[in-house]
C-alpha atoms as a PDB file:
ATOM      1  CA  MET A   1      11.619  24.063 -40.609  1.00  0.00           C
ATOM      2  CA  ASN A   2      13.852  26.213 -38.246  1.00  0.00           C
ATOM      3  CA  SER A   3      11.388  28.743 -38.119  1.00  0.00           C
ATOM      4  CA  VAL A   4       8.818  26.266 -36.871  1.00  0.00           C
ATOM      5  CA  LYS A   5      11.028  24.810 -34.408  1.00  0.00           C
ATOM      6  CA  LYS A   6      11.796  28.329 -33.070  1.00  0.00           C
ATOM      7  CA  VAL A   7       8.031  28.963 -32.556  1.00  0.00           C
ATOM      8  CA  ILE A   8       7.618  25.616 -30.817  1.00  0.00           C
ATOM      9  CA  ILE A   9      10.463  26.152 -28.684  1.00  0.00           C
ATOM     10  CA  THR A  10       9.109  29.653 -27.822  1.00  0.00           C
ATOM     11  CA  ILE A  11       5.500  28.488 -27.081  1.00  0.00           C
ATOM     12  CA  VAL A  12       7.220  25.759 -24.851  1.00  0.00           C
ATOM     13  CA  VAL A  13       9.369  28.109 -22.876  1.00  0.00           C
ATOM     14  CA  VAL A  14       6.600  30.513 -22.384  1.00  0.00           C
ATOM     15  CA  ILE A  15       4.241  27.843 -21.094  1.00  0.00           C
ATOM     16  CA  LEU A  16       6.874  26.609 -18.719  1.00  0.00           C
ATOM     17  CA  VAL A  17       7.593  29.944 -17.290  1.00  0.00           C
ATOM     18  CA  ALA A  18       3.817  30.554 -16.781  1.00  0.00           C
ATOM     19  CA  ALA A  19       3.457  27.389 -15.135  1.00  0.00           C
ATOM     20  CA  PHE A  20       6.430  27.992 -12.935  1.00  0.00           C
ATOM     21  CA  GLY A  21       4.798  31.655 -12.071  1.00  0.00           C
ATOM     22  CA  VAL A  22       1.430  29.865 -11.234  1.00  0.00           C
ATOM     23  CA  SER A  23       3.297  27.520  -8.940  1.00  0.00           C
ATOM     24  CA  ALA A  24       5.235  29.905  -7.255  1.00  0.00           C
ATOM     25  CA  PHE A  25       2.454  31.926  -6.518  1.00  0.00           C
ATOM     26  CA  LEU A  26       0.502  29.068  -5.027  1.00  0.00           C
ATOM     27  CA  VAL A  27       3.510  28.169  -2.963  1.00  0.00           C
ATOM     28  CA  GLY A  28       3.930  31.451  -1.870  1.00  0.00           C
ATOM     29  CA  ASN A  29       0.298  32.108  -0.970  1.00  0.00           C
ATOM     30  CA  TYR A  30       0.204  28.689   1.129  1.00  0.00           C
ATOM     31  CA  LEU A  31       3.205  29.806   2.967  1.00  0.00           C
ATOM     32  CA  LEU A  32       1.880  33.229   3.707  1.00  0.00           C
ATOM     33  CA  GLU A  33      -1.525  31.772   4.740  1.00  0.00           C
ATOM     34  CA  GLY A  34       0.666  29.297   6.856  1.00  0.00           C
ATOM     35  CA  LYS A  35       2.336  32.247   8.768  1.00  0.00           C
ATOM     36  CA  GLN A  36      -0.628  34.092   9.079  1.00  0.00           C
ATOM     37  CA  GLN A  37      -2.373  31.255  10.699  1.00  0.00           C
ATOM     38  CA  GLN A  38       0.489  30.278  12.968  1.00  0.00           C
ATOM     39  CA  ASP A  39       0.957  33.883  14.093  1.00  0.00           C
ATOM     40  CA  GLN A  40      -2.934  33.865  15.053  1.00  0.00           C
ATOM     41  CA  TYR A  41      -2.546  30.790  17.059  1.00  0.00           C
ATOM     42  CA  ASP A  42       0.449  32.038  18.732  1.00  0.00           C
ATOM     43  CA  GLN A  43      -1.575  35.115  19.680  1.00  0.00           C
ATOM     44  CA  LEU A  44      -3.993  32.967  20.998  1.00  0.00           C
ATOM     45  CA  ALA A  45      -1.386  30.830  22.963  1.00  0.00           C
ATOM     46  CA  GLN A  46      -0.139  34.001  24.616  1.00  0.00           C
ATOM     47  CA  ILE A  47      -3.694  35.211  25.548  1.00  0.00           C
ATOM     48  CA  LYS A  48      -4.057  31.761  27.493  1.00  0.00           C
ATOM     49  CA  GLU A  49      -0.613  32.279  29.019  1.00  0.00           C
ATOM     50  CA  ASN A  50      -1.347  35.613  30.190  1.00  0.00           C
ATOM     51  CA  ALA A  51      -4.805  34.940  31.444  1.00  0.00           C
ATOM     52  CA  THR A  52      -3.659  33.171  34.551  1.00  0.00           C
ATOM     53  CA  ASN A  53      -1.713  32.483  37.577  1.00  0.00           C
ATOM     54  CA  GLN A  54      -2.407  28.979  37.863  1.00  0.00           C
ATOM     55  CA  THR A  55       0.543  26.312  37.593  1.00  0.00           C
ATOM     56  CA  ARG A  56      -0.152  23.175  35.442  1.00  0.00           C
ATOM     57  CA  PRO A  57       0.463  19.967  37.638  1.00  0.00           C
ATOM     58  CA  THR A  58       3.875  18.530  36.672  1.00  0.00           C
ATOM     59  CA  VAL A  59       4.196  15.019  35.591  1.00  0.00           C
ATOM     60  CA  PRO A  60       7.670  13.218  35.100  1.00  0.00           C
ATOM     61  CA  GLN A  61       8.379  12.343  31.659  1.00  0.00           C
ATOM     62  CA  THR A  62       9.371   8.615  31.561  1.00  0.00           C
ATOM     63  CA  THR A  63      10.486   6.396  29.119  1.00  0.00           C
ATOM     64  CA  GLY A  64       9.215   2.925  27.986  1.00  0.00           C
ATOM     65  CA  GLY A  65       9.094  -0.381  29.778  1.00  0.00           C
ATOM     66  CA  GLU A  66       5.750   0.419  31.797  1.00  0.00           C
ATOM     67  CA  SER A  67       3.191  -2.433  32.112  1.00  0.00           C
ATOM     68  CA  GLU A  68       0.457  -0.232  33.671  1.00  0.00           C
ATOM     69  CA  THR A  69      -0.719   3.354  33.515  1.00  0.00           C
ATOM     70  CA  THR A  70       0.258   5.675  36.484  1.00  0.00           C
ATOM     71  CA  ALA A  71      -2.415   6.435  38.767  1.00  0.00           C
ATOM     72  CA  PRO A  72      -4.258   9.817  38.041  1.00  0.00           C
ATOM     73  CA  THR A  73      -3.442  12.763  40.369  1.00  0.00           C
ATOM     74  CA  GLU A  74      -5.592  15.422  41.471  1.00  0.00           C
ATOM     75  CA  THR A  75      -6.443  18.151  38.835  1.00  0.00           C
ATOM     76  CA  THR A  76      -6.326  21.819  38.989  1.00  0.00           C
ATOM     77  CA  GLU A  77      -9.921  23.355  38.804  1.00  0.00           C
ATOM     78  CA  ALA A  78     -11.246  26.562  38.172  1.00  0.00           C
ATOM     79  CA  THR A  79     -11.238  28.847  41.252  1.00  0.00           C
ATOM     80  CA  GLU A  80     -14.620  30.262  40.006  1.00  0.00           C
ATOM     81  CA  PRO A  81     -17.461  27.901  38.906  1.00  0.00           C
ATOM     82  CA  GLY A  82     -17.092  26.853  35.339  1.00  0.00           C
ATOM     83  CA  ILE A  83     -14.089  27.723  33.153  1.00  0.00           C
ATOM     84  CA  LEU A  84     -10.494  27.861  34.231  1.00  0.00           C
ATOM     85  CA  GLU A  85      -8.795  31.393  34.104  1.00  0.00           C
ATOM     86  CA  SER A  86      -6.467  30.225  31.132  1.00  0.00           C
ATOM     87  CA  TYR A  87      -9.433  29.701  29.030  1.00  0.00           C
ATOM     88  CA  GLN A  88     -12.089  32.167  30.031  1.00  0.00           C
ATOM     89  CA  GLU A  89     -11.034  35.240  27.516  1.00  0.00           C
ATOM     90  CA  LEU A  90     -10.702  32.512  24.569  1.00  0.00           C
ATOM     91  CA  TYR A  91     -14.253  31.130  25.353  1.00  0.00           C
ATOM     92  CA  GLU A  92     -15.440  34.423  25.387  1.00  0.00           C
ATOM     93  CA  MET A  93     -14.002  35.108  22.012  1.00  0.00           C
ATOM     94  CA  ASN A  94     -15.593  31.522  20.523  1.00  0.00           C
ATOM     95  CA  PRO A  95     -17.722  29.540  22.682  1.00  0.00           C
ATOM     96  CA  ASP A  96     -17.039  26.544  20.470  1.00  0.00           C
ATOM     97  CA  LEU A  97     -13.758  26.172  22.316  1.00  0.00           C
ATOM     98  CA  VAL A  98     -13.777  23.179  24.253  1.00  0.00           C
ATOM     99  CA  GLY A  99     -10.044  22.662  25.357  1.00  0.00           C
ATOM    100  CA  TRP A 100      -6.484  22.850  24.396  1.00  0.00           C
ATOM    101  CA  ILE A 101      -3.868  20.572  23.317  1.00  0.00           C
ATOM    102  CA  GLN A 102       0.044  20.768  23.504  1.00  0.00           C
ATOM    103  CA  ILE A 103       3.068  18.444  22.847  1.00  0.00           C
ATOM    104  CA  ASP A 104       6.245  19.715  24.273  1.00  0.00           C
ATOM    105  CA  GLY A 105       9.187  20.584  21.864  1.00  0.00           C
ATOM    106  CA  THR A 106       6.666  20.633  18.746  1.00  0.00           C
ATOM    107  CA  LYS A 107       4.504  23.295  16.981  1.00  0.00           C
ATOM    108  CA  LEU A 108       1.176  21.313  18.365  1.00  0.00           C
ATOM    109  CA  ASP A 109       0.055  23.893  20.595  1.00  0.00           C
ATOM    110  CA  TYR A 110      -3.600  24.741  19.396  1.00  0.00           C
ATOM    111  CA  PRO A 111      -7.189  25.360  20.884  1.00  0.00           C
ATOM    112  CA  VAL A 112      -9.560  22.565  20.547  1.00  0.00           C
ATOM    113  CA  MET A 113     -13.002  23.008  19.122  1.00  0.00           C
ATOM    114  CA  GLN A 114     -16.175  21.143  18.948  1.00  0.00           C
ATOM    115  CA  THR A 115     -19.709  21.513  17.211  1.00  0.00           C
ATOM    116  CA  PRO A 116     -21.963  18.544  18.225  1.00  0.00           C
ATOM    117  CA  ASP A 117     -24.853  19.860  15.905  1.00  0.00           C
ATOM    118  CA  GLU A 118     -22.653  20.548  12.705  1.00  0.00           C
ATOM    119  CA  LYS A 119     -20.257  17.781  11.837  1.00  0.00           C
ATOM    120  CA  GLY A 120     -16.823  18.696  10.633  1.00  0.00           C
ATOM    121  CA  TYR A 121     -17.489  22.480  10.751  1.00  0.00           C
ATOM    122  CA  TYR A 122     -13.828  23.261  11.799  1.00  0.00           C
ATOM    123  CA  LEU A 123     -12.418  20.905   9.193  1.00  0.00           C
ATOM    124  CA  TYR A 124     -11.789  24.214   6.974  1.00  0.00           C
ATOM    125  CA  LYS A 125     -12.560  27.045   9.400  1.00  0.00           C
ATOM    126  CA  ASP A 126      -9.976  28.812  11.690  1.00  0.00           C
ATOM    127  CA  PHE A 127     -10.681  29.834  15.426  1.00  0.00           C
ATOM    128  CA  TYR A 128     -12.387  32.874  13.975  1.00  0.00           C
ATOM    129  CA  LYS A 129     -14.407  30.850  11.809  1.00  0.00           C
ATOM    130  CA  ASN A 130     -12.826  32.206   8.721  1.00  0.00           C
ATOM    131  CA  GLN A 131     -12.369  29.745   5.609  1.00  0.00           C
ATOM    132  CA  SER A 132      -8.756  28.161   6.090  1.00  0.00           C
ATOM    133  CA  GLU A 133      -7.158  25.274   4.254  1.00  0.00           C
ATOM    134  CA  ARG A 134      -5.400  24.351   7.604  1.00  0.00           C
ATOM    135  CA  GLY A 135      -8.651  24.272   9.624  1.00  0.00           C
ATOM    136  CA  SER A 136      -8.699  23.921  13.325  1.00  0.00           C
ATOM    137  CA  ILE A 137      -8.085  20.935  15.765  1.00  0.00           C
ATOM    138  CA  PHE A 138     -11.713  19.710  16.590  1.00  0.00           C
ATOM    139  CA  ALA A 139     -13.239  16.838  18.531  1.00  0.00           C
ATOM    140  CA  TRP A 140     -15.751  14.192  17.381  1.00  0.00           C
ATOM    141  CA  GLU A 141     -18.851  15.497  17.636  1.00  0.00           C
ATOM    142  CA  GLU A 142     -20.402  12.488  19.729  1.00  0.00           C
ATOM    143  CA  ALA A 143     -17.525  12.802  22.390  1.00  0.00           C
ATOM    144  CA  ASP A 144     -18.398  14.483  25.686  1.00  0.00           C
ATOM    145  CA  LEU A 145     -15.381  16.101  27.028  1.00  0.00           C
ATOM    146  CA  ASN A 146     -16.919  17.160  30.432  1.00  0.00           C
ATOM    147  CA  GLU A 147     -18.122  13.707  31.518  1.00  0.00           C
ATOM    148  CA  PRO A 148     -15.712  12.881  29.762  1.00  0.00           C
ATOM    149  CA  SER A 149     -16.440   9.994  27.205  1.00  0.00           C
ATOM    150  CA  ASP A 150     -14.203   6.870  27.547  1.00  0.00           C
ATOM    151  CA  ASN A 151     -12.321   7.939  24.261  1.00  0.00           C
ATOM    152  CA  ILE A 152     -12.326  11.282  22.712  1.00  0.00           C
ATOM    153  CA  THR A 153     -11.008  11.619  19.169  1.00  0.00           C
ATOM    154  CA  LEU A 154      -9.365  14.762  18.099  1.00  0.00           C
ATOM    155  CA  PHE A 155      -8.817  15.573  14.293  1.00  0.00           C
ATOM    156  CA  GLY A 156      -6.266  17.760  12.579  1.00  0.00           C
ATOM    157  CA  HIS A 157      -4.654  18.258   9.141  1.00  0.00           C
ATOM    158  CA  ASN A 158      -1.397  16.874   8.412  1.00  0.00           C
ATOM    159  CA  MET A 159       0.380  20.044   7.105  1.00  0.00           C
ATOM    160  CA  ALA A 160       3.475  20.104   4.871  1.00  0.00           C
ATOM    161  CA  ASP A 161       4.789  23.141   6.948  1.00  0.00           C
ATOM    162  CA  GLY A 162       4.780  20.927  10.116  1.00  0.00           C
ATOM    163  CA  THR A 163       1.806  22.736  11.552  1.00  0.00           C
ATOM    164  CA  MET A 164      -1.533  21.287  13.096  1.00  0.00           C
ATOM    165  CA  PHE A 165      -1.194  17.538  13.439  1.00  0.00           C
ATOM    166  CA  ALA A 166       2.000  17.180  11.406  1.00  0.00           C
ATOM    167  CA  ALA A 167       3.918  16.653  14.513  1.00  0.00           C
ATOM    168  CA  LEU A 168       2.405  13.039  14.859  1.00  0.00           C
ATOM    169  CA  ASN A 169       4.386  11.788  12.090  1.00  0.00           C
ATOM    170  CA  ALA A 170       7.438  11.746  14.238  1.00  0.00           C
ATOM    171  CA  TYR A 171       5.677   9.336  16.538  1.00  0.00           C
ATOM    172  CA  THR A 172       5.962   6.461  13.947  1.00  0.00           C
ATOM    173  CA  ARG A 173       9.544   6.140  15.296  1.00  0.00           C
ATOM    174  CA  LYS A 174       9.856   4.707  18.872  1.00  0.00           C
ATOM    175  CA  GLU A 175      12.708   7.036  19.386  1.00  0.00           C
ATOM    176  CA  THR A 176      10.367   9.980  19.472  1.00  0.00           C
ATOM    177  CA  TRP A 177       8.084   8.488  22.007  1.00  0.00           C
ATOM    178  CA  GLU A 178      11.036   7.528  24.174  1.00  0.00           C
ATOM    179  CA  ASN A 179      11.872  11.033  24.182  1.00  0.00           C
ATOM    180  CA  ASN A 180       8.551  12.854  24.478  1.00  0.00           C
ATOM    181  CA  SER A 181       5.531  10.536  25.345  1.00  0.00           C
ATOM    182  CA  LEU A 182       3.290  13.157  27.044  1.00  0.00           C
ATOM    183  CA  ILE A 183       0.459  14.848  25.697  1.00  0.00           C
ATOM    184  CA  PHE A 184      -1.282  17.895  27.392  1.00  0.00           C
ATOM    185  CA  PHE A 185      -5.064  18.113  26.778  1.00  0.00           C
ATOM    186  CA  ASP A 186      -6.936  20.440  28.965  1.00  0.00           C
ATOM    187  CA  THR A 187     -10.578  20.821  28.890  1.00  0.00           C
ATOM    188  CA  LEU A 188     -12.154  24.204  29.920  1.00  0.00           C
ATOM    189  CA  THR A 189     -12.393  23.275  33.602  1.00  0.00           C
ATOM    190  CA  GLU A 190      -9.533  20.929  34.024  1.00  0.00           C
ATOM    191  CA  TYR A 191      -5.771  20.397  33.294  1.00  0.00           C
ATOM    192  CA  HIS A 192      -4.953  16.976  32.210  1.00  0.00           C
ATOM    193  CA  THR A 193      -2.070  14.904  30.888  1.00  0.00           C
ATOM    194  CA  TYR A 194      -1.953  11.913  28.723  1.00  0.00           C
ATOM    195  CA  LYS A 195       0.668   9.339  28.134  1.00  0.00           C
ATOM    196  CA  ILE A 196       0.931   7.537  24.409  1.00  0.00           C
ATOM    197  CA  PHE A 197       0.325   4.045  24.574  1.00  0.00           C
ATOM    198  CA  ALA A 198       0.029   3.248  20.741  1.00  0.00           C
ATOM    199  CA  VAL A 199       0.544   4.648  17.529  1.00  0.00           C
ATOM    200  CA  PHE A 200      -0.708   3.221  14.281  1.00  0.00           C
ATOM    201  CA  LYS A 201      -2.171   3.484  10.859  1.00  0.00           C
ATOM    202  CA  THR A 202      -5.475   2.398   9.272  1.00  0.00           C
ATOM    203  CA  SER A 203      -7.835   3.111   6.474  1.00  0.00           C
ATOM    204  CA  ALA A 204     -10.732   5.681   6.645  1.00  0.00           C
ATOM    205  CA  ASN A 205     -12.766   3.863   3.974  1.00  0.00           C
ATOM    206  CA  VAL A 206     -16.038   2.550   4.795  1.00  0.00           C
ATOM    207  CA  GLY A 207     -15.761  -1.309   5.535  1.00  0.00           C
ATOM    208  CA  GLU A 208     -12.141  -1.106   5.871  1.00  0.00           C
ATOM    209  CA  GLY A 209      -9.673  -0.361   8.643  1.00  0.00           C
ATOM    210  CA  PHE A 210     -10.292   0.358  12.264  1.00  0.00           C
ATOM    211  CA  SER A 211     -13.320   2.882  13.154  1.00  0.00           C
ATOM    212  CA  TYR A 212     -11.299   4.144  16.242  1.00  0.00           C
ATOM    213  CA  HIS A 213     -13.150   7.392  16.341  1.00  0.00           C
ATOM    214  CA  GLN A 214     -16.514   5.595  16.478  1.00  0.00           C
ATOM    215  CA  PHE A 215     -15.542   4.083  20.093  1.00  0.00           C
ATOM    216  CA  VAL A 216     -16.711   6.725  22.619  1.00  0.00           C
ATOM    217  CA  ASP A 217     -18.105   4.912  25.425  1.00  0.00           C
ATOM    218  CA  ALA A 218     -17.368   1.354  26.500  1.00  0.00           C
ATOM    219  CA  ALA A 219     -20.622  -0.776  26.957  1.00  0.00           C
ATOM    220  CA  SER A 220     -18.446  -3.062  29.032  1.00  0.00           C
ATOM    221  CA  GLU A 221     -14.866  -3.904  30.305  1.00  0.00           C
ATOM    222  CA  ALA A 222     -14.575  -6.616  27.282  1.00  0.00           C
ATOM    223  CA  GLU A 223     -15.248  -3.792  24.725  1.00  0.00           C
ATOM    224  CA  PHE A 224     -12.991  -1.284  26.293  1.00  0.00           C
ATOM    225  CA  ASP A 225     -10.162  -4.112  26.274  1.00  0.00           C
ATOM    226  CA  GLU A 226     -10.897  -4.972  22.809  1.00  0.00           C
ATOM    227  CA  PHE A 227     -10.633  -1.592  21.735  1.00  0.00           C
ATOM    228  CA  VAL A 228      -7.118  -1.104  23.490  1.00  0.00           C
ATOM    229  CA  ASN A 229      -5.858  -4.316  22.341  1.00  0.00           C
ATOM    230  CA  THR A 230      -6.702  -3.481  18.601  1.00  0.00           C
ATOM    231  CA  CYS A 231      -4.758  -0.158  19.130  1.00  0.00           C
ATOM    232  CA  LYS A 232      -1.735  -2.132  20.342  1.00  0.00           C
ATOM    233  CA  GLU A 233      -2.015  -4.809  17.711  1.00  0.00           C
ATOM    234  CA  LEU A 234      -1.852  -2.353  15.169  1.00  0.00           C
ATOM    235  CA  ALA A 235       0.940  -0.235  16.797  1.00  0.00           C
ATOM    236  CA  PHE A 236       4.029   0.370  14.930  1.00  0.00           C
ATOM    237  CA  TYR A 237       5.938  -0.494  18.271  1.00  0.00           C
ATOM    238  CA  ASP A 238       5.192  -1.663  21.853  1.00  0.00           C
ATOM    239  CA  THR A 239       5.080   1.027  24.487  1.00  0.00           C
ATOM    240  CA  GLY A 240       4.444  -1.205  27.234  1.00  0.00           C
ATOM    241  CA  VAL A 241       1.603   1.081  28.359  1.00  0.00           C
ATOM    242  CA  THR A 242      -1.635  -1.025  28.585  1.00  0.00           C
ATOM    243  CA  PRO A 243      -4.857   1.330  29.814  1.00  0.00           C
ATOM    244  CA  LYS A 244      -7.387  -0.326  32.038  1.00  0.00           C
ATOM    245  CA  TYR A 245     -11.055  -0.268  32.062  1.00  0.00           C
ATOM    246  CA  GLY A 246     -11.891   2.997  34.005  1.00  0.00           C
ATOM    247  CA  ASP A 247      -9.098   4.942  32.394  1.00  0.00           C
ATOM    248  CA  LYS A 248      -9.742   7.982  29.861  1.00  0.00           C
ATOM    249  CA  LEU A 249      -8.258   7.946  26.146  1.00  0.00           C
ATOM    250  CA  ILE A 250      -7.810  10.337  23.518  1.00  0.00           C
ATOM    251  CA  CYS A 251      -7.157   9.643  19.850  1.00  0.00           C
ATOM    252  CA  LEU A 252      -5.247  12.031  17.841  1.00  0.00           C
ATOM    253  CA  SER A 253      -6.161  11.486  14.124  1.00  0.00           C
ATOM    254  CA  THR A 254      -4.695  12.923  10.994  1.00  0.00           C
ATOM    255  CA  CYS A 255      -4.135  11.947   7.323  1.00  0.00           C
ATOM    256  CA  GLU A 256      -1.627   9.321   6.414  1.00  0.00           C
ATOM    257  CA  TYR A 257      -0.261   8.942   2.687  1.00  0.00           C
ATOM    258  CA  THR A 258       0.939   5.297   2.362  1.00  0.00           C
ATOM    259  CA  LEU A 259      -2.567   3.962   2.600  1.00  0.00           C
ATOM    260  CA  ASN A 260      -5.544   4.660   0.384  1.00  0.00           C
ATOM    261  CA  ASN A 261      -7.430   7.349   2.519  1.00  0.00           C
ATOM    262  CA  GLY A 262      -5.240   6.477   5.335  1.00  0.00           C
ATOM    263  CA  ARG A 263      -5.201   7.724   8.988  1.00  0.00           C
ATOM    264  CA  LEU A 264      -2.356   8.181  11.505  1.00  0.00           C
ATOM    265  CA  VAL A 265      -3.464   7.774  14.964  1.00  0.00           C
ATOM    266  CA  VAL A 266      -1.675   8.529  18.157  1.00  0.00           C
ATOM    267  CA  ALA A 267      -3.717   6.914  21.121  1.00  0.00           C
ATOM    268  CA  ALA A 268      -3.137   7.956  24.687  1.00  0.00           C
ATOM    269  CA  VAL A 269      -4.209   7.498  28.140  1.00  0.00           C
ATOM    270  CA  ARG A 270      -4.918   9.938  30.951  1.00  0.00           C
ATOM    271  CA  ILE A 271      -2.282   9.899  33.617  1.00  0.00           C
ATOM    272  CA  ALA A 272      -3.139  12.902  35.453  1.00  0.00           C
END
């Protein structure tokens, strides 16, 4: 009997060691891929920084208590027809590039991709179109970034290592918004600054939740106001910021794990 027990114990130990080894390999591979891709994005950001002498328009960081959005200021446009110097080289590297998004003080500092004819192409593709668990930040296919649409939804994975759209998790707390409420989202031709007006979660299941991403262009002022009011009603807290008809919006969307097929959304209005 003791011999049988020893054999069973040995088998269990071997299985546990093997399972630990596989787990360690998977974790190591995940971390290595994450570092490699973050290094890649850091290099792209450096190309962007090195490519221009232009200066982004500055917008003061303000705290809560605002009842209206700040009037937009003049944007900095390209000195030559078409693309800003900041993004010319990156666009030549991959013409699916449509912009760049950044939140100061976070890892969120990435190119934004869009493929109008191929839905979700960059969900699991990096900037170079290689297969990637982290994918890329990409814009809803039906949104027009140049016109632009009344609302542009950007999608990104909620990665455990804090990359991609993981920084959005902190905005479920009002304290984070009070300290850092601005999002910098450039198109290829203009620099723009947005202020967060609502942070909420919802289900992405068909027939459930709020289909925020499907709101692209308002057919009327009433439709625009309904969208804004729904965002604010679902919000974790009141920011005191209420966009008005004619304002331009973005929604940053990532996975949320307290709901079935949940989504965390950070909605912001252009202020510059």
